[in-house]
Amino acid sequence: MPSTDTLLAFFLLALVLGFTPGPDNLFVLVQSAAHGRRAGLSVVLGLCIGLIGHTLAVALGLAAVLAATPLALDAIRLLGALYLLWLAWQAFKAPVDEAADPVGTAVPGRRLVLRGVLMNLGNPKIVLFFLALLPQFADPDGAAVAIQVLWLGGTFIVATLVSFGTIAWLAAMFSRRLRRSVAARRWLNRLSAGVFAALAARLAWITP
């Protein structure tokens, strides 16, 4: 286990990164604004489950193998981009009327969790980021590096829950009145579609 000072420093770093504008917290913000607090927190849970996968990949050495296989990285990247484009289309065509929820039809919590998982695992940049970041905080003279990586990954996930959860809570709170308006719901749909499409383009054309 890394020292308490190391974990605290890493937690603060992860907290800052969580609040720094990026694809994942933008994804949380849009989903929370469009669907509400519970939906946003479901997405946060899904993203954190994805981070568990990335942490295990680094701890078990799979991330290093993946980093050395450009074809596999490209395949994951393009699949992730296609999924985001599908989400953009779903948001764009969602019907809006007086009886509908903020994006036309209610999205089950499980589907939102899965949406977060796929969003996270479909971005190979995250596993490469973990591969570069986590070992820097591991003590080579301490316990098994793999165990330290697991501790660090868990710390990062807790910080992500705090930062992304705060974003989801605030976005839902400030958009509550907007979601009561049909015109605002339509605007949120278009905004969601635009964000998903932009994230898809970013993922597809920027090399990890």
N, C-alpha and C. Protein backbone atom coordinates (compact mmCIF):
# COMPACT_ATOMS: atom_id res chain seq x y z
N MET A 1 0.85 -1.21 0.00
CA MET A 1 0.00 0.00 0.00
C MET A 1 0.88 1.25 0.00
N PRO A 2 0.59 2.23 -0.87
CA PRO A 2 1.35 3.49 -0.85
C PRO A 2 1.18 4.19 0.49
N SER A 3 2.08 5.09 0.81
CA SER A 3 1.99 5.82 2.07
C SER A 3 0.76 6.73 2.07
N THR A 4 0.34 7.11 3.28
CA THR A 4 -0.82 8.00 3.41
C THR A 4 -0.59 9.32 2.70
N ASP A 5 0.63 9.85 2.82
CA ASP A 5 0.96 11.12 2.15
C ASP A 5 0.84 10.99 0.64
N THR A 6 1.30 9.86 0.11
CA THR A 6 1.22 9.63 -1.33
C THR A 6 -0.22 9.55 -1.80
N LEU A 7 -1.04 8.80 -1.04
CA LEU A 7 -2.45 8.66 -1.40
C LEU A 7 -3.18 10.00 -1.32
N LEU A 8 -2.86 10.79 -0.31
CA LEU A 8 -3.51 12.09 -0.16
C LEU A 8 -3.13 13.01 -1.31
N ALA A 9 -1.84 13.04 -1.65
CA ALA A 9 -1.39 13.88 -2.76
C ALA A 9 -2.03 13.42 -4.07
N PHE A 10 -2.12 12.11 -4.24
CA PHE A 10 -2.72 11.57 -5.47
C PHE A 10 -4.21 11.87 -5.51
N PHE A 11 -4.88 11.78 -4.36
CA PHE A 11 -6.31 12.09 -4.29
C PHE A 11 -6.55 13.55 -4.70
N LEU A 12 -5.75 14.47 -4.18
CA LEU A 12 -5.92 15.89 -4.51
C LEU A 12 -5.67 16.14 -6.00
N LEU A 13 -4.66 15.46 -6.55
CA LEU A 13 -4.39 15.59 -7.99
C LEU A 13 -5.57 15.08 -8.80
N ALA A 14 -6.10 13.91 -8.42
CA ALA A 14 -7.23 13.33 -9.14
C ALA A 14 -8.47 14.21 -9.03
N LEU A 15 -8.63 14.86 -7.87
CA LEU A 15 -9.77 15.76 -7.66
C LEU A 15 -9.68 16.95 -8.61
N VAL A 16 -8.49 17.51 -8.73
CA VAL A 16 -8.29 18.63 -9.65
C VAL A 16 -8.56 18.19 -11.09
N LEU A 17 -8.06 17.02 -11.45
CA LEU A 17 -8.28 16.50 -12.81
C LEU A 17 -9.77 16.27 -13.06
N GLY A 18 -10.49 15.83 -12.01
CA GLY A 18 -11.92 15.57 -12.16
C GLY A 18 -12.71 16.82 -12.47
N PHE A 19 -12.29 17.95 -11.92
CA PHE A 19 -12.99 19.21 -12.16
C PHE A 19 -12.47 19.96 -13.39
N THR A 20 -11.34 19.50 -13.93
CA THR A 20 -10.80 20.13 -15.13
C THR A 20 -11.65 19.73 -16.34
N PRO A 21 -12.12 20.70 -17.14
CA PRO A 21 -12.97 20.36 -18.29
C PRO A 21 -12.36 19.31 -19.19
N GLY A 22 -13.14 18.29 -19.49
CA GLY A 22 -12.69 17.21 -20.34
C GLY A 22 -13.89 16.43 -20.85
N PRO A 23 -13.67 15.43 -21.71
CA PRO A 23 -14.78 14.68 -22.31
C PRO A 23 -15.70 14.01 -21.29
N ASP A 24 -15.12 13.39 -20.25
CA ASP A 24 -15.95 12.64 -19.31
C ASP A 24 -16.83 13.54 -18.45
N ASN A 25 -16.26 14.60 -17.88
CA ASN A 25 -17.11 15.43 -17.03
C ASN A 25 -18.08 16.28 -17.86
N LEU A 26 -17.72 16.56 -19.12
CA LEU A 26 -18.67 17.21 -20.02
C LEU A 26 -19.84 16.28 -20.32
N PHE A 27 -19.52 15.01 -20.49
CA PHE A 27 -20.53 13.97 -20.70
C PHE A 27 -21.48 13.92 -19.50
N VAL A 28 -20.92 13.95 -18.30
CA VAL A 28 -21.74 13.94 -17.08
C VAL A 28 -22.62 15.18 -17.01
N LEU A 29 -22.04 16.33 -17.31
CA LEU A 29 -22.78 17.59 -17.23
C LEU A 29 -23.99 17.57 -18.17
N VAL A 30 -23.78 17.14 -19.41
CA VAL A 30 -24.87 17.13 -20.39
C VAL A 30 -25.95 16.14 -20.00
N GLN A 31 -25.55 14.95 -19.58
CA GLN A 31 -26.54 13.95 -19.19
C GLN A 31 -27.34 14.40 -17.97
N SER A 32 -26.68 15.05 -17.02
CA SER A 32 -27.38 15.53 -15.83
C SER A 32 -28.34 16.66 -16.16
N ALA A 33 -27.88 17.58 -17.02
CA ALA A 33 -28.74 18.69 -17.40
C ALA A 33 -29.97 18.21 -18.17
N ALA A 34 -29.79 17.19 -19.00
CA ALA A 34 -30.89 16.72 -19.83
C ALA A 34 -31.84 15.79 -19.10
N HIS A 35 -31.29 14.90 -18.26
CA HIS A 35 -32.10 13.85 -17.65
C HIS A 35 -32.37 14.03 -16.17
N GLY A 36 -31.58 14.86 -15.48
CA GLY A 36 -31.78 15.03 -14.06
C GLY A 36 -30.65 14.43 -13.22
N ARG A 37 -30.71 14.69 -11.91
CA ARG A 37 -29.64 14.30 -11.00
C ARG A 37 -29.43 12.79 -10.94
N ARG A 38 -30.51 12.03 -10.81
CA ARG A 38 -30.36 10.57 -10.70
C ARG A 38 -29.71 9.99 -11.94
N ALA A 39 -30.10 10.50 -13.11
CA ALA A 39 -29.51 10.03 -14.36
C ALA A 39 -28.02 10.37 -14.40
N GLY A 40 -27.69 11.60 -14.01
CA GLY A 40 -26.29 12.00 -14.02
C GLY A 40 -25.43 11.15 -13.10
N LEU A 41 -25.95 10.85 -11.90
CA LEU A 41 -25.20 10.02 -10.97
C LEU A 41 -25.08 8.59 -11.48
N SER A 42 -26.07 8.12 -12.23
CA SER A 42 -25.98 6.79 -12.84
C SER A 42 -24.84 6.75 -13.86
N VAL A 43 -24.72 7.81 -14.64
CA VAL A 43 -23.63 7.91 -15.60
C VAL A 43 -22.28 7.95 -14.88
N VAL A 44 -22.21 8.70 -13.79
CA VAL A 44 -20.97 8.77 -12.99
C VAL A 44 -20.58 7.38 -12.50
N LEU A 45 -21.56 6.62 -12.02
CA LEU A 45 -21.30 5.25 -11.56
C LEU A 45 -20.73 4.42 -12.70
N GLY A 46 -21.32 4.55 -13.89
CA GLY A 46 -20.83 3.79 -15.03
C GLY A 46 -19.41 4.16 -15.41
N LEU A 47 -19.11 5.45 -15.39
CA LEU A 47 -17.75 5.90 -15.69
C LEU A 47 -16.74 5.33 -14.70
N CYS A 48 -17.13 5.28 -13.42
CA CYS A 48 -16.23 4.76 -12.39
C CYS A 48 -16.04 3.25 -12.53
N ILE A 49 -17.07 2.55 -12.96
CA ILE A 49 -16.92 1.11 -13.24
C ILE A 49 -15.91 0.92 -14.38
N GLY A 50 -15.99 1.79 -15.37
CA GLY A 50 -15.01 1.75 -16.45
C GLY A 50 -13.60 1.98 -15.95
N LEU A 51 -13.44 2.90 -14.98
CA LEU A 51 -12.12 3.15 -14.41
C LEU A 51 -11.57 1.93 -13.67
N ILE A 52 -12.46 1.13 -13.09
CA ILE A 52 -12.02 -0.12 -12.46
C ILE A 52 -11.36 -1.01 -13.51
N GLY A 53 -11.99 -1.07 -14.70
CA GLY A 53 -11.41 -1.86 -15.79
C GLY A 53 -10.04 -1.36 -16.20
N HIS A 54 -9.88 -0.05 -16.31
CA HIS A 54 -8.59 0.52 -16.69
C HIS A 54 -7.54 0.27 -15.61
N THR A 55 -7.95 0.37 -14.34
CA THR A 55 -7.01 0.12 -13.23
C THR A 55 -6.52 -1.32 -13.27
N LEU A 56 -7.43 -2.25 -13.45
CA LEU A 56 -7.04 -3.67 -13.52
C LEU A 56 -6.13 -3.92 -14.72
N ALA A 57 -6.41 -3.24 -15.84
CA ALA A 57 -5.57 -3.43 -17.02
C ALA A 57 -4.14 -2.99 -16.75
N VAL A 58 -3.96 -1.90 -16.02
CA VAL A 58 -2.60 -1.43 -15.69
C VAL A 58 -1.95 -2.37 -14.68
N ALA A 59 -2.70 -2.76 -13.65
CA ALA A 59 -2.14 -3.61 -12.59
C ALA A 59 -1.72 -4.98 -13.13
N LEU A 60 -2.47 -5.51 -14.08
CA LEU A 60 -2.20 -6.84 -14.61
C LEU A 60 -1.26 -6.83 -15.82
N GLY A 61 -0.85 -5.64 -16.24
CA GLY A 61 0.06 -5.54 -17.37
C GLY A 61 -0.62 -5.54 -18.73
N LEU A 62 -1.95 -5.60 -18.75
CA LEU A 62 -2.67 -5.63 -20.02
C LEU A 62 -2.58 -4.29 -20.74
N ALA A 63 -2.51 -3.21 -19.97
CA ALA A 63 -2.45 -1.88 -20.59
C ALA A 63 -1.17 -1.71 -21.39
N ALA A 64 -0.06 -2.26 -20.88
CA ALA A 64 1.20 -2.15 -21.61
C ALA A 64 1.13 -2.92 -22.92
N VAL A 65 0.49 -4.07 -22.89
CA VAL A 65 0.31 -4.86 -24.12
C VAL A 65 -0.56 -4.09 -25.11
N LEU A 66 -1.63 -3.49 -24.60
CA LEU A 66 -2.54 -2.72 -25.46
C LEU A 66 -1.83 -1.52 -26.06
N ALA A 67 -1.01 -0.84 -25.24
CA ALA A 67 -0.29 0.34 -25.72
C ALA A 67 0.67 -0.01 -26.85
N ALA A 68 1.14 -1.25 -26.86
CA ALA A 68 2.07 -1.69 -27.89
C ALA A 68 1.36 -2.26 -29.11
N THR A 69 0.04 -2.19 -29.14
CA THR A 69 -0.76 -2.74 -30.25
C THR A 69 -1.62 -1.64 -30.85
N PRO A 70 -1.07 -0.85 -31.76
CA PRO A 70 -1.81 0.28 -32.33
C PRO A 70 -3.14 -0.13 -32.98
N LEU A 71 -3.18 -1.31 -33.60
CA LEU A 71 -4.40 -1.74 -34.26
C LEU A 71 -5.53 -1.91 -33.25
N ALA A 72 -5.21 -2.49 -32.08
CA ALA A 72 -6.23 -2.67 -31.05
C ALA A 72 -6.70 -1.32 -30.51
N LEU A 73 -5.76 -0.39 -30.33
CA LEU A 73 -6.14 0.95 -29.86
C LEU A 73 -7.06 1.64 -30.87
N ASP A 74 -6.74 1.50 -32.14
CA ASP A 74 -7.57 2.12 -33.18
C ASP A 74 -8.97 1.51 -33.20
N ALA A 75 -9.04 0.19 -33.03
CA ALA A 75 -10.33 -0.48 -33.05
C ALA A 75 -11.21 0.00 -31.89
N ILE A 76 -10.63 0.07 -30.69
CA ILE A 76 -11.38 0.54 -29.53
C ILE A 76 -11.82 2.00 -29.73
N ARG A 77 -10.91 2.80 -30.25
CA ARG A 77 -11.19 4.22 -30.46
C ARG A 77 -12.35 4.42 -31.44
N LEU A 78 -12.33 3.68 -32.55
CA LEU A 78 -13.38 3.85 -33.56
C LEU A 78 -14.72 3.30 -33.08
N LEU A 79 -14.70 2.20 -32.34
CA LEU A 79 -15.94 1.67 -31.77
C LEU A 79 -16.54 2.67 -30.78
N GLY A 80 -15.66 3.29 -29.97
CA GLY A 80 -16.14 4.30 -29.04
C GLY A 80 -16.74 5.49 -29.76
N ALA A 81 -16.12 5.91 -30.86
CA ALA A 81 -16.64 7.04 -31.63
C ALA A 81 -18.00 6.70 -32.25
N LEU A 82 -18.14 5.49 -32.76
CA LEU A 82 -19.42 5.07 -33.34
C LEU A 82 -20.51 5.04 -32.28
N TYR A 83 -20.16 4.60 -31.08
CA TYR A 83 -21.16 4.58 -30.00
C TYR A 83 -21.61 6.00 -29.66
N LEU A 84 -20.67 6.93 -29.61
CA LEU A 84 -21.02 8.32 -29.31
C LEU A 84 -21.88 8.93 -30.41
N LEU A 85 -21.62 8.56 -31.66
CA LEU A 85 -22.46 9.04 -32.76
C LEU A 85 -23.87 8.49 -32.64
N TRP A 86 -23.97 7.25 -32.20
CA TRP A 86 -25.31 6.66 -31.98
C TRP A 86 -26.05 7.41 -30.88
N LEU A 87 -25.34 7.77 -29.80
CA LEU A 87 -25.96 8.55 -28.73
C LEU A 87 -26.39 9.93 -29.25
N ALA A 88 -25.57 10.51 -30.13
CA ALA A 88 -25.92 11.82 -30.71
C ALA A 88 -27.21 11.71 -31.51
N TRP A 89 -27.34 10.66 -32.28
CA TRP A 89 -28.56 10.46 -33.08
C TRP A 89 -29.78 10.24 -32.19
N GLN A 90 -29.60 9.45 -31.13
CA GLN A 90 -30.70 9.20 -30.20
C GLN A 90 -31.17 10.50 -29.55
N ALA A 91 -30.24 11.35 -29.16
CA ALA A 91 -30.60 12.62 -28.53
C ALA A 91 -31.26 13.56 -29.53
N PHE A 92 -30.75 13.55 -30.76
CA PHE A 92 -31.28 14.47 -31.78
C PHE A 92 -32.73 14.13 -32.16
N LYS A 93 -33.04 12.85 -32.27
CA LYS A 93 -34.37 12.45 -32.73
C LYS A 93 -35.36 12.23 -31.60
N ALA A 94 -34.94 12.40 -30.34
CA ALA A 94 -35.84 12.18 -29.21
C ALA A 94 -37.04 13.13 -29.29
N PRO A 95 -38.26 12.61 -29.22
CA PRO A 95 -39.45 13.47 -29.31
C PRO A 95 -39.59 14.33 -28.06
N VAL A 96 -40.15 15.50 -28.23
CA VAL A 96 -40.37 16.43 -27.12
C VAL A 96 -41.82 16.89 -27.14
N ASP A 97 -42.53 16.64 -26.04
CA ASP A 97 -43.89 17.15 -25.92
C ASP A 97 -44.19 17.37 -24.44
N GLU A 98 -45.37 17.79 -24.15
CA GLU A 98 -45.74 18.12 -22.76
C GLU A 98 -45.67 16.93 -21.84
N ALA A 99 -45.95 15.73 -22.39
CA ALA A 99 -46.00 14.53 -21.54
C ALA A 99 -44.66 13.85 -21.40
N ALA A 100 -43.69 14.30 -22.20
CA ALA A 100 -42.40 13.61 -22.21
C ALA A 100 -41.51 14.06 -21.08
N ASP A 101 -40.49 13.26 -20.82
CA ASP A 101 -39.48 13.66 -19.85
C ASP A 101 -38.52 14.62 -20.56
N PRO A 102 -37.47 15.14 -19.90
CA PRO A 102 -36.62 16.16 -20.51
C PRO A 102 -36.01 15.81 -21.86
N VAL A 103 -35.86 14.54 -22.19
CA VAL A 103 -35.30 14.21 -23.50
C VAL A 103 -36.25 13.33 -24.29
N GLY A 104 -37.51 13.42 -24.03
CA GLY A 104 -38.48 12.72 -24.84
C GLY A 104 -38.96 11.43 -24.24
N THR A 105 -38.06 10.54 -23.86
CA THR A 105 -38.44 9.27 -23.25
C THR A 105 -37.52 8.99 -22.08
N ALA A 106 -38.06 8.41 -21.04
CA ALA A 106 -37.25 8.13 -19.85
C ALA A 106 -36.17 7.11 -20.19
N VAL A 107 -34.98 7.32 -19.68
CA VAL A 107 -33.87 6.40 -19.88
C VAL A 107 -33.65 5.63 -18.60
N PRO A 108 -33.79 4.28 -18.63
CA PRO A 108 -33.60 3.49 -17.41
C PRO A 108 -32.21 3.69 -16.81
N GLY A 109 -32.16 3.60 -15.47
CA GLY A 109 -30.89 3.79 -14.78
C GLY A 109 -29.81 2.83 -15.24
N ARG A 110 -30.18 1.56 -15.47
CA ARG A 110 -29.18 0.59 -15.90
C ARG A 110 -28.58 0.97 -17.25
N ARG A 111 -29.41 1.50 -18.13
CA ARG A 111 -28.91 1.90 -19.44
C ARG A 111 -27.94 3.07 -19.31
N LEU A 112 -28.23 3.97 -18.38
CA LEU A 112 -27.34 5.11 -18.17
C LEU A 112 -26.01 4.66 -17.56
N VAL A 113 -26.06 3.70 -16.64
CA VAL A 113 -24.82 3.15 -16.08
C VAL A 113 -23.99 2.52 -17.20
N LEU A 114 -24.66 1.72 -18.04
CA LEU A 114 -23.97 1.09 -19.17
C LEU A 114 -23.41 2.13 -20.12
N ARG A 115 -24.14 3.21 -20.31
CA ARG A 115 -23.68 4.30 -21.17
C ARG A 115 -22.36 4.86 -20.63
N GLY A 116 -22.27 5.03 -19.32
CA GLY A 116 -21.04 5.53 -18.73
C GLY A 116 -19.89 4.55 -18.87
N VAL A 117 -20.19 3.26 -18.67
CA VAL A 117 -19.15 2.22 -18.80
C VAL A 117 -18.59 2.21 -20.21
N LEU A 118 -19.48 2.19 -21.20
CA LEU A 118 -19.04 2.14 -22.59
C LEU A 118 -18.31 3.41 -23.00
N MET A 119 -18.77 4.54 -22.49
CA MET A 119 -18.11 5.81 -22.79
C MET A 119 -16.66 5.76 -22.28
N ASN A 120 -16.46 5.20 -21.10
CA ASN A 120 -15.13 5.15 -20.49
C ASN A 120 -14.24 4.10 -21.15
N LEU A 121 -14.74 2.89 -21.29
CA LEU A 121 -13.93 1.82 -21.86
C LEU A 121 -13.68 2.02 -23.34
N GLY A 122 -14.55 2.80 -24.00
CA GLY A 122 -14.37 3.05 -25.42
C GLY A 122 -13.36 4.14 -25.74
N ASN A 123 -12.69 4.65 -24.72
CA ASN A 123 -11.69 5.70 -24.92
C ASN A 123 -10.32 5.17 -24.52
N PRO A 124 -9.50 4.74 -25.48
CA PRO A 124 -8.19 4.17 -25.13
C PRO A 124 -7.24 5.18 -24.52
N LYS A 125 -7.55 6.48 -24.67
CA LYS A 125 -6.68 7.50 -24.07
C LYS A 125 -6.64 7.37 -22.55
N ILE A 126 -7.73 6.87 -21.97
CA ILE A 126 -7.79 6.78 -20.50
C ILE A 126 -6.84 5.70 -20.00
N VAL A 127 -6.85 4.55 -20.66
CA VAL A 127 -5.95 3.48 -20.19
C VAL A 127 -4.49 3.89 -20.41
N LEU A 128 -4.20 4.63 -21.49
CA LEU A 128 -2.84 5.12 -21.70
C LEU A 128 -2.46 6.15 -20.65
N PHE A 129 -3.44 6.98 -20.28
CA PHE A 129 -3.21 7.97 -19.22
C PHE A 129 -2.92 7.28 -17.90
N PHE A 130 -3.70 6.26 -17.56
CA PHE A 130 -3.47 5.50 -16.33
C PHE A 130 -2.11 4.82 -16.37
N LEU A 131 -1.75 4.29 -17.54
CA LEU A 131 -0.47 3.59 -17.68
C LEU A 131 0.69 4.54 -17.43
N ALA A 132 0.52 5.81 -17.81
CA ALA A 132 1.58 6.80 -17.59
C ALA A 132 1.56 7.37 -16.19
N LEU A 133 0.35 7.50 -15.60
CA LEU A 133 0.22 8.20 -14.32
C LEU A 133 0.43 7.32 -13.10
N LEU A 134 -0.28 6.21 -13.03
CA LEU A 134 -0.30 5.42 -11.79
C LEU A 134 1.09 4.93 -11.36
N PRO A 135 1.91 4.37 -12.27
CA PRO A 135 3.22 3.89 -11.82
C PRO A 135 4.12 4.98 -11.24
N GLN A 136 3.89 6.25 -11.62
CA GLN A 136 4.72 7.34 -11.10
C GLN A 136 4.56 7.51 -9.59
N PHE A 137 3.40 7.11 -9.05
CA PHE A 137 3.13 7.26 -7.63
C PHE A 137 3.39 5.95 -6.86
N ALA A 138 3.80 4.92 -7.57
CA ALA A 138 4.11 3.65 -6.90
C ALA A 138 5.57 3.65 -6.48
N ASP A 139 5.83 3.12 -5.31
CA ASP A 139 7.20 3.03 -4.78
C ASP A 139 7.81 1.71 -5.22
N PRO A 140 8.83 1.73 -6.09
CA PRO A 140 9.43 0.49 -6.57
C PRO A 140 10.08 -0.33 -5.46
N ASP A 141 10.40 0.32 -4.34
CA ASP A 141 11.03 -0.38 -3.22
C ASP A 141 10.01 -0.84 -2.17
N GLY A 142 8.74 -0.54 -2.43
CA GLY A 142 7.69 -0.90 -1.48
C GLY A 142 7.06 -2.24 -1.82
N ALA A 143 5.77 -2.34 -1.50
CA ALA A 143 5.04 -3.58 -1.77
C ALA A 143 4.93 -3.80 -3.28
N ALA A 144 4.35 -4.92 -3.66
CA ALA A 144 4.19 -5.23 -5.08
C ALA A 144 3.57 -4.04 -5.81
N VAL A 145 4.18 -3.67 -6.93
CA VAL A 145 3.71 -2.50 -7.67
C VAL A 145 2.25 -2.67 -8.09
N ALA A 146 1.87 -3.88 -8.46
CA ALA A 146 0.49 -4.13 -8.89
C ALA A 146 -0.50 -3.79 -7.78
N ILE A 147 -0.16 -4.13 -6.54
CA ILE A 147 -1.04 -3.82 -5.40
C ILE A 147 -1.11 -2.32 -5.20
N GLN A 148 0.02 -1.64 -5.33
CA GLN A 148 0.03 -0.18 -5.19
C GLN A 148 -0.81 0.48 -6.28
N VAL A 149 -0.74 -0.06 -7.49
CA VAL A 149 -1.54 0.48 -8.60
C VAL A 149 -3.03 0.33 -8.30
N LEU A 150 -3.40 -0.78 -7.70
CA LEU A 150 -4.81 -0.97 -7.33
C LEU A 150 -5.26 0.07 -6.30
N TRP A 151 -4.41 0.33 -5.32
CA TRP A 151 -4.72 1.36 -4.32
C TRP A 151 -4.86 2.73 -4.97
N LEU A 152 -3.93 3.04 -5.86
CA LEU A 152 -3.96 4.34 -6.54
C LEU A 152 -5.18 4.46 -7.44
N GLY A 153 -5.49 3.38 -8.16
CA GLY A 153 -6.68 3.39 -9.01
C GLY A 153 -7.95 3.58 -8.20
N GLY A 154 -8.01 2.91 -7.03
CA GLY A 154 -9.18 3.07 -6.16
C GLY A 154 -9.30 4.49 -5.65
N THR A 155 -8.16 5.09 -5.33
CA THR A 155 -8.15 6.48 -4.86
C THR A 155 -8.64 7.42 -5.96
N PHE A 156 -8.19 7.17 -7.18
CA PHE A 156 -8.63 7.98 -8.32
C PHE A 156 -10.13 7.85 -8.53
N ILE A 157 -10.66 6.66 -8.36
CA ILE A 157 -12.09 6.43 -8.54
C ILE A 157 -12.91 7.18 -7.48
N VAL A 158 -12.43 7.16 -6.23
CA VAL A 158 -13.12 7.90 -5.17
C VAL A 158 -13.14 9.39 -5.49
N ALA A 159 -11.99 9.92 -5.94
CA ALA A 159 -11.93 11.34 -6.30
C ALA A 159 -12.86 11.65 -7.47
N THR A 160 -12.96 10.71 -8.40
CA THR A 160 -13.85 10.90 -9.55
C THR A 160 -15.31 10.90 -9.11
N LEU A 161 -15.65 10.02 -8.19
CA LEU A 161 -17.01 10.02 -7.65
C LEU A 161 -17.36 11.37 -7.02
N VAL A 162 -16.40 11.93 -6.29
CA VAL A 162 -16.64 13.21 -5.62
C VAL A 162 -16.79 14.33 -6.65
N SER A 163 -15.83 14.44 -7.56
CA SER A 163 -15.83 15.55 -8.52
C SER A 163 -16.96 15.42 -9.53
N PHE A 164 -17.10 14.26 -10.14
CA PHE A 164 -18.16 14.08 -11.14
C PHE A 164 -19.54 14.10 -10.49
N GLY A 165 -19.63 13.55 -9.27
CA GLY A 165 -20.90 13.59 -8.55
C GLY A 165 -21.33 15.02 -8.26
N THR A 166 -20.37 15.86 -7.91
CA THR A 166 -20.67 17.28 -7.66
C THR A 166 -21.15 17.96 -8.95
N ILE A 167 -20.48 17.66 -10.06
CA ILE A 167 -20.89 18.23 -11.35
C ILE A 167 -22.31 17.79 -11.71
N ALA A 168 -22.60 16.50 -11.50
CA ALA A 168 -23.93 15.98 -11.82
C ALA A 168 -24.99 16.66 -10.96
N TRP A 169 -24.71 16.81 -9.69
CA TRP A 169 -25.67 17.41 -8.75
C TRP A 169 -25.96 18.87 -9.13
N LEU A 170 -24.91 19.64 -9.38
CA LEU A 170 -25.08 21.06 -9.69
C LEU A 170 -25.74 21.26 -11.05
N ALA A 171 -25.34 20.46 -12.05
CA ALA A 171 -25.93 20.60 -13.39
C ALA A 171 -27.42 20.31 -13.35
N ALA A 172 -27.81 19.26 -12.62
CA ALA A 172 -29.23 18.92 -12.52
C ALA A 172 -30.01 19.99 -11.77
N MET A 173 -29.39 20.55 -10.74
CA MET A 173 -30.07 21.57 -9.95
C MET A 173 -30.34 22.83 -10.78
N PHE A 174 -29.33 23.27 -11.53
CA PHE A 174 -29.47 24.50 -12.31
C PHE A 174 -30.35 24.31 -13.55
N SER A 175 -30.50 23.07 -14.01
CA SER A 175 -31.30 22.84 -15.22
C SER A 175 -32.73 22.41 -14.90
N ARG A 176 -33.08 22.34 -13.61
CA ARG A 176 -34.40 21.83 -13.22
C ARG A 176 -35.52 22.65 -13.86
N ARG A 177 -35.41 23.95 -13.81
CA ARG A 177 -36.45 24.79 -14.39
C ARG A 177 -36.48 24.67 -15.92
N LEU A 178 -35.30 24.54 -16.51
CA LEU A 178 -35.24 24.40 -17.96
C LEU A 178 -36.00 23.16 -18.42
N ARG A 179 -35.88 22.06 -17.66
CA ARG A 179 -36.50 20.81 -18.07
C ARG A 179 -38.02 20.86 -18.02
N ARG A 180 -38.59 21.91 -17.38
CA ARG A 180 -40.04 22.05 -17.35
C ARG A 180 -40.59 22.68 -18.62
N SER A 181 -39.70 23.24 -19.42
CA SER A 181 -40.11 23.91 -20.65
C SER A 181 -39.87 23.00 -21.85
N VAL A 182 -40.88 22.87 -22.72
CA VAL A 182 -40.75 22.04 -23.91
C VAL A 182 -39.65 22.60 -24.82
N ALA A 183 -39.63 23.94 -24.97
CA ALA A 183 -38.61 24.56 -25.82
C ALA A 183 -37.21 24.29 -25.25
N ALA A 184 -37.07 24.37 -23.93
CA ALA A 184 -35.77 24.12 -23.31
C ALA A 184 -35.37 22.66 -23.46
N ARG A 185 -36.36 21.76 -23.37
CA ARG A 185 -36.07 20.34 -23.57
C ARG A 185 -35.52 20.10 -24.97
N ARG A 186 -36.13 20.74 -25.94
CA ARG A 186 -35.67 20.60 -27.32
C ARG A 186 -34.24 21.13 -27.44
N TRP A 187 -33.96 22.25 -26.77
CA TRP A 187 -32.62 22.83 -26.80
C TRP A 187 -31.62 21.89 -26.14
N LEU A 188 -32.01 21.26 -25.02
CA LEU A 188 -31.13 20.32 -24.35
C LEU A 188 -30.86 19.10 -25.22
N ASN A 189 -31.88 18.65 -25.96
CA ASN A 189 -31.68 17.54 -26.90
C ASN A 189 -30.61 17.88 -27.93
N ARG A 190 -30.76 19.08 -28.52
CA ARG A 190 -29.82 19.50 -29.56
C ARG A 190 -28.42 19.69 -28.97
N LEU A 191 -28.36 20.24 -27.78
CA LEU A 191 -27.06 20.41 -27.12
C LEU A 191 -26.41 19.06 -26.86
N SER A 192 -27.20 18.11 -26.35
CA SER A 192 -26.67 16.77 -26.09
C SER A 192 -26.16 16.13 -27.37
N ALA A 193 -26.94 16.24 -28.44
CA ALA A 193 -26.53 15.66 -29.72
C ALA A 193 -25.23 16.29 -30.20
N GLY A 194 -25.12 17.60 -30.08
CA GLY A 194 -23.91 18.29 -30.51
C GLY A 194 -22.69 17.88 -29.71
N VAL A 195 -22.87 17.75 -28.40
CA VAL A 195 -21.75 17.35 -27.54
C VAL A 195 -21.30 15.93 -27.87
N PHE A 196 -22.26 15.01 -28.02
CA PHE A 196 -21.90 13.63 -28.35
C PHE A 196 -21.17 13.55 -29.70
N ALA A 197 -21.67 14.32 -30.68
CA ALA A 197 -21.03 14.31 -32.00
C ALA A 197 -19.61 14.88 -31.92
N ALA A 198 -19.44 15.95 -31.14
CA ALA A 198 -18.11 16.55 -30.99
C ALA A 198 -17.15 15.58 -30.29
N LEU A 199 -17.64 14.88 -29.26
CA LEU A 199 -16.79 13.91 -28.57
C LEU A 199 -16.42 12.76 -29.49
N ALA A 200 -17.38 12.35 -30.34
CA ALA A 200 -17.10 11.27 -31.30
C ALA A 200 -16.02 11.70 -32.28
N ALA A 201 -16.12 12.93 -32.78
CA ALA A 201 -15.12 13.43 -33.73
C ALA A 201 -13.75 13.52 -33.06
N ARG A 202 -13.73 13.99 -31.84
CA ARG A 202 -12.47 14.12 -31.10
C ARG A 202 -11.82 12.75 -30.91
N LEU A 203 -12.63 11.77 -30.55
CA LEU A 203 -12.11 10.43 -30.30
C LEU A 203 -11.65 9.76 -31.60
N ALA A 204 -12.37 10.01 -32.69
CA ALA A 204 -12.06 9.34 -33.96
C ALA A 204 -10.82 9.88 -34.64
N TRP A 205 -10.59 11.20 -34.52
CA TRP A 205 -9.54 11.82 -35.31
C TRP A 205 -8.30 12.24 -34.54
N ILE A 206 -8.34 12.16 -33.23
CA ILE A 206 -7.15 12.48 -32.45
C ILE A 206 -6.47 11.17 -32.03
N THR A 207 -5.26 10.97 -32.48
CA THR A 207 -4.55 9.73 -32.18
C THR A 207 -4.20 9.66 -30.70
N PRO A 208 -4.47 8.50 -30.06
CA PRO A 208 -4.12 8.36 -28.63
C PRO A 208 -2.64 8.58 -28.40
